[in-house]
Structures are given as structure tokens and as C-alpha cells.
Amino acid sequence: MGGPTDEDDASLVARCLRDEGTAWETLVRRYQRLVFAIVRRAGLDEHAAADVFQTVFARLIEHLPRLRQPERLQAWIVTTAKRESIAQSAKGRRTVSLTPTDDEDGARAVDEVADDSPLPEEALIELQQVNQVRLALERLDSRCRELLLLLFRDEDDSVPYDEVARRMAMPVGSIGPTRSRCIEKLRALAG
């Protein structure tokens, strides 16, 4: 522990303002998944997502010296990513030509266009919580992190308890209590 992932946003912003290159790398690494998740949730493709990602971090470079509450960096990034996603989506709609098609009755119809309603705040809150858990998971001790990653995989990729016990070199009966302690540590870190 004690690495750059433990650093709070205000300290990280201060290091960025001192032009410490590793601080910028840490900042981008910390928030890149969150930005991409917001953009992809807005329904944009990979190319548009990359454009929004670049715009968000370019704007951050411009606005960082004027950021009044550096501890609210994540909120600034989420808001900017959301706004840029909406702008990129609108830009994409302006350049798409709709071609009339015939429906089953032979009537002319226009192909459906993606829903352009803003992202619901609940979705943004959920994305922020997922990001907090991911950051907390990175800060967990390696044994807890490994155990939780083995236990909480996608259903298609789940690992049976006996295999978890073998990989972790622990009795099957101690997996449940150890898991509970690790989850408590994770909750405390995600705070």
C-alpha cells in the first residue's frame, strides 16, 4: 500500500499542477474506465468514445488550474464526459442521412434513430460506484483481491469453491469467512 492509487484526488491535482508527469498518468489511469463507461452507456461507438475521452482530458488540462474543489475531480470528469457524450451524439445525428425503407405494408418509413434522451442520473451514480469499488479493489491486499476476483466473476466464468481453495492454498471451509472479511475491507476502502 501507500502507492499512487492511495492518493486522494486533491493531492493528485496538486501534483498535476506541478507538472509531474506520473501524476497525469495516474489521473488518466484512475478515470479512463469511468469515462469510457459513461460514453459507451450513451450509446456511442468506439471512435466517438475515443473522441470524447480525448476531449474530456484536454478540457481537464485547460480547467485544472481553475478547479476550485479539487476533491470533486471525479464529479467534474463525470459531468464533462456526460456533456461531451451528448454533444458527440448530437453531432453524429446531424451527419447521419436517414434512408426511407418499406415496412411490411409497403408504407415508407424512416429507420429508427438512437434515443437521444440524457443519461439518467441513476446510471451515472451507478457508474461512479462501480469506479469506487474498482479503485478500492486495487488498494486491497493481494490475497483478498485475488480471492474476490476468483469468486465474483461472470456466471459463465465462475470458479468452483474447490478450485478456489486449491488456487488460494486454503481449506474450502475457510473461503466463506475469509470472503466476508475481504468484503468488509473492500467496503471500508470504497467508503
C-alpha atoms as a PDB file:
ATOM      1  CA  MET A   1       0.000   0.000   0.000  1.00  0.00           C
ATOM      2  CA  GLY A   2       0.975   3.651   0.011  1.00  0.00           C
ATOM      3  CA  GLY A   3       1.243   3.826  -3.806  1.00  0.00           C
ATOM      4  CA  PRO A   4      -0.229   6.413  -6.153  1.00  0.00           C
ATOM      5  CA  THR A   5      -3.623   4.661  -6.192  1.00  0.00           C
ATOM      6  CA  ASP A   6      -3.993   5.531  -2.475  1.00  0.00           C
ATOM      7  CA  GLU A   7      -3.572   9.230  -3.210  1.00  0.00           C
ATOM      8  CA  ASP A   8      -6.704  11.351  -2.947  1.00  0.00           C
ATOM      9  CA  ASP A   9      -7.834  13.482  -5.876  1.00  0.00           C
ATOM     10  CA  ALA A  10      -6.850  16.806  -4.281  1.00  0.00           C
ATOM     11  CA  SER A  11      -3.237  15.639  -3.825  1.00  0.00           C
ATOM     12  CA  LEU A  12      -3.191  14.235  -7.324  1.00  0.00           C
ATOM     13  CA  VAL A  13      -4.451  17.539  -8.754  1.00  0.00           C
ATOM     14  CA  ALA A  14      -1.737  19.408  -6.828  1.00  0.00           C
ATOM     15  CA  ARG A  15       0.923  17.116  -8.336  1.00  0.00           C
ATOM     16  CA  CYS A  16      -0.545  17.635 -11.819  1.00  0.00           C
ATOM     17  CA  LEU A  17      -0.384  21.394 -11.330  1.00  0.00           C
ATOM     18  CA  ARG A  18       3.331  20.997 -10.518  1.00  0.00           C
ATOM     19  CA  ASP A  19       3.695  19.265 -13.936  1.00  0.00           C
ATOM     20  CA  GLU A  20       4.632  15.884 -12.502  1.00  0.00           C
ATOM     21  CA  GLY A  21       4.245  13.526 -15.450  1.00  0.00           C
ATOM     22  CA  THR A  22       3.488  10.498 -13.299  1.00  0.00           C
ATOM     23  CA  ALA A  23       0.594  12.402 -11.715  1.00  0.00           C
ATOM     24  CA  TRP A  24      -1.088  12.859 -15.115  1.00  0.00           C
ATOM     25  CA  GLU A  25      -0.572   9.175 -15.899  1.00  0.00           C
ATOM     26  CA  THR A  26      -2.131   8.221 -12.566  1.00  0.00           C
ATOM     27  CA  LEU A  27      -5.055  10.586 -13.104  1.00  0.00           C
ATOM     28  CA  VAL A  28      -5.811   9.248 -16.588  1.00  0.00           C
ATOM     29  CA  ARG A  29      -5.415   5.633 -15.459  1.00  0.00           C
ATOM     30  CA  ARG A  30      -7.723   6.266 -12.480  1.00  0.00           C
ATOM     31  CA  TYR A  31     -10.575   7.731 -14.561  1.00  0.00           C
ATOM     32  CA  GLN A  32     -10.230   6.272 -18.065  1.00  0.00           C
ATOM     33  CA  ARG A  33     -12.597   3.351 -17.451  1.00  0.00           C
ATOM     34  CA  LEU A  34     -15.197   5.615 -15.894  1.00  0.00           C
ATOM     35  CA  VAL A  35     -15.114   7.998 -18.876  1.00  0.00           C
ATOM     36  CA  PHE A  36     -15.358   5.154 -21.386  1.00  0.00           C
ATOM     37  CA  ALA A  37     -18.214   3.566 -19.406  1.00  0.00           C
ATOM     38  CA  ILE A  38     -20.200   6.819 -19.462  1.00  0.00           C
ATOM     39  CA  VAL A  39     -19.593   7.296 -23.181  1.00  0.00           C
ATOM     40  CA  ARG A  40     -20.449   3.717 -24.097  1.00  0.00           C
ATOM     41  CA  ARG A  41     -23.557   3.888 -21.888  1.00  0.00           C
ATOM     42  CA  ALA A  42     -24.633   6.867 -24.009  1.00  0.00           C
ATOM     43  CA  GLY A  43     -24.620   4.518 -27.000  1.00  0.00           C
ATOM     44  CA  LEU A  44     -21.599   5.933 -28.807  1.00  0.00           C
ATOM     45  CA  ASP A  45     -19.282   3.681 -30.794  1.00  0.00           C
ATOM     46  CA  GLU A  46     -15.579   3.192 -30.049  1.00  0.00           C
ATOM     47  CA  HIS A  47     -14.445   6.002 -32.350  1.00  0.00           C
ATOM     48  CA  ALA A  48     -16.823   8.519 -30.801  1.00  0.00           C
ATOM     49  CA  ALA A  49     -15.847   7.242 -27.347  1.00  0.00           C
ATOM     50  CA  ALA A  50     -12.180   7.892 -28.143  1.00  0.00           C
ATOM     51  CA  ASP A  51     -13.046  11.424 -29.303  1.00  0.00           C
ATOM     52  CA  VAL A  52     -14.979  12.140 -26.114  1.00  0.00           C
ATOM     53  CA  PHE A  53     -12.180  10.657 -23.993  1.00  0.00           C
ATOM     54  CA  GLN A  54      -9.616  12.945 -25.624  1.00  0.00           C
ATOM     55  CA  THR A  55     -11.885  15.973 -25.294  1.00  0.00           C
ATOM     56  CA  VAL A  56     -12.597  15.326 -21.603  1.00  0.00           C
ATOM     57  CA  PHE A  57      -8.921  15.080 -20.684  1.00  0.00           C
ATOM     58  CA  ALA A  58      -7.937  18.011 -22.940  1.00  0.00           C
ATOM     59  CA  ARG A  59     -10.557  20.134 -21.178  1.00  0.00           C
ATOM     60  CA  LEU A  60      -9.272  18.912 -17.834  1.00  0.00           C
ATOM     61  CA  ILE A  61      -5.784  20.136 -18.707  1.00  0.00           C
ATOM     62  CA  GLU A  62      -7.268  23.560 -19.521  1.00  0.00           C
ATOM     63  CA  HIS A  63      -9.524  23.770 -16.473  1.00  0.00           C
ATOM     64  CA  LEU A  64      -7.351  22.134 -13.824  1.00  0.00           C
ATOM     65  CA  PRO A  65      -5.705  25.394 -12.666  1.00  0.00           C
ATOM     66  CA  ARG A  66      -9.196  26.897 -12.183  1.00  0.00           C
ATOM     67  CA  LEU A  67     -10.714  23.869 -10.437  1.00  0.00           C
ATOM     68  CA  ARG A  68     -11.995  25.330  -7.149  1.00  0.00           C
ATOM     69  CA  GLN A  69     -12.696  21.999  -5.442  1.00  0.00           C
ATOM     70  CA  PRO A  70     -10.010  19.505  -6.481  1.00  0.00           C
ATOM     71  CA  GLU A  71     -11.528  16.897  -4.175  1.00  0.00           C
ATOM     72  CA  ARG A  72     -14.556  16.910  -6.536  1.00  0.00           C
ATOM     73  CA  LEU A  73     -12.462  15.972  -9.561  1.00  0.00           C
ATOM     74  CA  GLN A  74     -14.480  12.815 -10.205  1.00  0.00           C
ATOM     75  CA  ALA A  75     -17.745  14.779 -10.327  1.00  0.00           C
ATOM     76  CA  TRP A  76     -16.172  17.254 -12.787  1.00  0.00           C
ATOM     77  CA  ILE A  77     -14.990  14.390 -15.004  1.00  0.00           C
ATOM     78  CA  VAL A  78     -18.395  12.652 -14.916  1.00  0.00           C
ATOM     79  CA  THR A  79     -20.245  15.869 -15.781  1.00  0.00           C
ATOM     80  CA  THR A  80     -17.844  16.712 -18.601  1.00  0.00           C
ATOM     81  CA  ALA A  81     -17.983  13.173 -20.012  1.00  0.00           C
ATOM     82  CA  LYS A  82     -21.779  13.246 -19.929  1.00  0.00           C
ATOM     83  CA  ARG A  83     -21.960  16.629 -21.675  1.00  0.00           C
ATOM     84  CA  GLU A  84     -19.395  15.634 -24.304  1.00  0.00           C
ATOM     85  CA  SER A  85     -21.254  12.357 -24.931  1.00  0.00           C
ATOM     86  CA  ILE A  86     -24.472  14.257 -25.539  1.00  0.00           C
ATOM     87  CA  ALA A  87     -22.690  16.734 -27.822  1.00  0.00           C
ATOM     88  CA  GLN A  88     -20.972  13.921 -29.750  1.00  0.00           C
ATOM     89  CA  SER A  89     -24.263  12.073 -30.069  1.00  0.00           C
ATOM     90  CA  ALA A  90     -25.977  15.197 -31.425  1.00  0.00           C
ATOM     91  CA  LYS A  91     -23.092  15.780 -33.829  1.00  0.00           C
ATOM     92  CA  GLY A  92     -23.423  12.206 -35.061  1.00  0.00           C
ATOM     93  CA  ARG A  93     -27.162  12.625 -35.605  1.00  0.00           C
ATOM     94  CA  ARG A  94     -26.605  15.747 -37.704  1.00  0.00           C
ATOM     95  CA  THR A  95     -24.317  13.897 -40.091  1.00  0.00           C
ATOM     96  CA  VAL A  96     -26.419  10.723 -40.489  1.00  0.00           C
ATOM     97  CA  SER A  97     -28.671  10.578 -43.514  1.00  0.00           C
ATOM     98  CA  LEU A  98     -31.871   8.641 -42.999  1.00  0.00           C
ATOM     99  CA  THR A  99     -32.950   6.438 -45.832  1.00  0.00           C
ATOM    100  CA  PRO A 100     -36.654   5.664 -46.193  1.00  0.00           C
ATOM    101  CA  THR A 101     -37.483   1.947 -46.194  1.00  0.00           C
ATOM    102  CA  ASP A 102     -40.631  -0.007 -46.934  1.00  0.00           C
ATOM    103  CA  ASP A 103     -42.322  -1.648 -43.958  1.00  0.00           C
ATOM    104  CA  GLU A 104     -44.444  -4.811 -44.142  1.00  0.00           C
ATOM    105  CA  ASP A 105     -47.445  -2.904 -45.511  1.00  0.00           C
ATOM    106  CA  GLY A 106     -45.368  -1.236 -48.214  1.00  0.00           C
ATOM    107  CA  ALA A 107     -45.560   2.144 -46.457  1.00  0.00           C
ATOM    108  CA  ARG A 108     -42.446   4.313 -46.438  1.00  0.00           C
ATOM    109  CA  ALA A 109     -40.786   4.568 -43.010  1.00  0.00           C
ATOM    110  CA  VAL A 110     -37.604   6.115 -41.720  1.00  0.00           C
ATOM    111  CA  ASP A 111     -35.109   3.861 -39.968  1.00  0.00           C
ATOM    112  CA  GLU A 112     -35.155   4.238 -36.194  1.00  0.00           C
ATOM    113  CA  VAL A 113     -32.712   6.675 -34.638  1.00  0.00           C
ATOM    114  CA  ALA A 114     -30.969   6.062 -31.301  1.00  0.00           C
ATOM    115  CA  ASP A 115     -32.690   7.531 -28.247  1.00  0.00           C
ATOM    116  CA  ASP A 116     -31.164  10.939 -27.616  1.00  0.00           C
ATOM    117  CA  SER A 117     -32.539  11.443 -24.108  1.00  0.00           C
ATOM    118  CA  PRO A 118     -29.931  12.378 -21.493  1.00  0.00           C
ATOM    119  CA  LEU A 119     -28.378   9.684 -19.385  1.00  0.00           C
ATOM    120  CA  PRO A 120     -30.359   9.095 -16.208  1.00  0.00           C
ATOM    121  CA  GLU A 121     -28.633  10.313 -13.068  1.00  0.00           C
ATOM    122  CA  GLU A 122     -29.080   6.855 -11.555  1.00  0.00           C
ATOM    123  CA  ALA A 123     -26.882   5.375 -14.286  1.00  0.00           C
ATOM    124  CA  LEU A 124     -24.164   7.929 -13.576  1.00  0.00           C
ATOM    125  CA  ILE A 125     -24.339   7.235  -9.864  1.00  0.00           C
ATOM    126  CA  GLU A 126     -24.038   3.517 -10.576  1.00  0.00           C
ATOM    127  CA  LEU A 127     -21.005   4.097 -12.815  1.00  0.00           C
ATOM    128  CA  GLN A 128     -19.379   6.194 -10.100  1.00  0.00           C
ATOM    129  CA  GLN A 129     -19.993   3.454  -7.539  1.00  0.00           C
ATOM    130  CA  VAL A 130     -18.517   0.826  -9.836  1.00  0.00           C
ATOM    131  CA  ASN A 131     -15.457   3.028 -10.267  1.00  0.00           C
ATOM    132  CA  GLN A 132     -15.136   3.458  -6.470  1.00  0.00           C
ATOM    133  CA  VAL A 133     -15.268  -0.313  -5.990  1.00  0.00           C
ATOM    134  CA  ARG A 134     -12.680  -0.850  -8.739  1.00  0.00           C
ATOM    135  CA  LEU A 135     -10.320   1.672  -7.117  1.00  0.00           C
ATOM    136  CA  ALA A 136     -10.866   0.100  -3.686  1.00  0.00           C
ATOM    137  CA  LEU A 137     -10.200  -3.352  -5.139  1.00  0.00           C
ATOM    138  CA  GLU A 138      -6.845  -2.107  -6.451  1.00  0.00           C
ATOM    139  CA  ARG A 139      -5.947  -0.977  -2.926  1.00  0.00           C
ATOM    140  CA  LEU A 140      -6.869  -4.284  -1.224  1.00  0.00           C
ATOM    141  CA  ASP A 141      -4.093  -6.603  -0.128  1.00  0.00           C
ATOM    142  CA  SER A 142      -3.206  -9.082  -2.862  1.00  0.00           C
ATOM    143  CA  ARG A 143      -4.694 -12.144  -1.105  1.00  0.00           C
ATOM    144  CA  CYS A 144      -8.131 -10.534  -0.640  1.00  0.00           C
ATOM    145  CA  ARG A 145      -8.070  -9.081  -4.137  1.00  0.00           C
ATOM    146  CA  GLU A 146      -7.230 -12.479  -5.669  1.00  0.00           C
ATOM    147  CA  LEU A 147      -9.929 -14.250  -3.643  1.00  0.00           C
ATOM    148  CA  LEU A 148     -12.640 -11.728  -4.558  1.00  0.00           C
ATOM    149  CA  LEU A 149     -11.666 -11.740  -8.229  1.00  0.00           C
ATOM    150  CA  LEU A 150     -11.923 -15.533  -8.288  1.00  0.00           C
ATOM    151  CA  LEU A 151     -15.280 -15.587  -6.510  1.00  0.00           C
ATOM    152  CA  PHE A 152     -17.018 -12.693  -8.243  1.00  0.00           C
ATOM    153  CA  ARG A 153     -16.620 -13.383 -11.925  1.00  0.00           C
ATOM    154  CA  ASP A 154     -19.231 -13.511 -14.649  1.00  0.00           C
ATOM    155  CA  GLU A 155     -21.532 -16.520 -14.333  1.00  0.00           C
ATOM    156  CA  ASP A 156     -20.001 -18.078 -17.439  1.00  0.00           C
ATOM    157  CA  ASP A 157     -16.521 -17.823 -15.915  1.00  0.00           C
ATOM    158  CA  SER A 158     -17.244 -18.751 -12.274  1.00  0.00           C
ATOM    159  CA  VAL A 159     -14.666 -20.781 -10.370  1.00  0.00           C
ATOM    160  CA  PRO A 160     -15.930 -23.592  -8.087  1.00  0.00           C
ATOM    161  CA  TYR A 161     -15.024 -23.392  -4.379  1.00  0.00           C
ATOM    162  CA  ASP A 162     -12.770 -26.454  -4.537  1.00  0.00           C
ATOM    163  CA  GLU A 163     -10.762 -24.812  -7.333  1.00  0.00           C
ATOM    164  CA  VAL A 164     -10.629 -21.519  -5.399  1.00  0.00           C
ATOM    165  CA  ALA A 165      -9.375 -23.453  -2.345  1.00  0.00           C
ATOM    166  CA  ARG A 166      -6.673 -25.133  -4.437  1.00  0.00           C
ATOM    167  CA  ARG A 167      -5.516 -21.885  -6.082  1.00  0.00           C
ATOM    168  CA  MET A 168      -5.518 -19.980  -2.798  1.00  0.00           C
ATOM    169  CA  ALA A 169      -3.990 -22.872  -0.797  1.00  0.00           C
ATOM    170  CA  MET A 170      -6.737 -22.704   1.817  1.00  0.00           C
ATOM    171  CA  PRO A 171      -9.398 -25.090   3.152  1.00  0.00           C
ATOM    172  CA  VAL A 172     -12.776 -24.920   1.420  1.00  0.00           C
ATOM    173  CA  GLY A 173     -14.445 -24.223   4.785  1.00  0.00           C
ATOM    174  CA  SER A 174     -12.464 -21.027   5.307  1.00  0.00           C
ATOM    175  CA  ILE A 175     -13.419 -19.457   1.967  1.00  0.00           C
ATOM    176  CA  GLY A 176     -16.753 -18.049   3.213  1.00  0.00           C
ATOM    177  CA  PRO A 177     -15.406 -16.359   6.372  1.00  0.00           C
ATOM    178  CA  THR A 178     -12.344 -15.065   4.514  1.00  0.00           C
ATOM    179  CA  ARG A 179     -14.583 -13.732   1.759  1.00  0.00           C
ATOM    180  CA  SER A 180     -16.690 -11.882   4.358  1.00  0.00           C
ATOM    181  CA  ARG A 181     -13.606 -10.255   5.917  1.00  0.00           C
ATOM    182  CA  CYS A 182     -12.307  -9.244   2.474  1.00  0.00           C
ATOM    183  CA  ILE A 183     -15.669  -7.723   1.521  1.00  0.00           C
ATOM    184  CA  GLU A 184     -15.645  -5.689   4.760  1.00  0.00           C
ATOM    185  CA  LYS A 185     -12.137  -4.412   3.922  1.00  0.00           C
ATOM    186  CA  LEU A 186     -13.365  -3.530   0.424  1.00  0.00           C
ATOM    187  CA  ARG A 187     -16.371  -1.633   1.840  1.00  0.00           C
ATOM    188  CA  ALA A 188     -14.102   0.336   4.156  1.00  0.00           C
ATOM    189  CA  LEU A 189     -11.783   1.285   1.270  1.00  0.00           C
ATOM    190  CA  ALA A 190     -14.677   2.183  -1.064  1.00  0.00           C
ATOM    191  CA  GLY A 191     -16.201   4.269   1.767  1.00  0.00           C
END
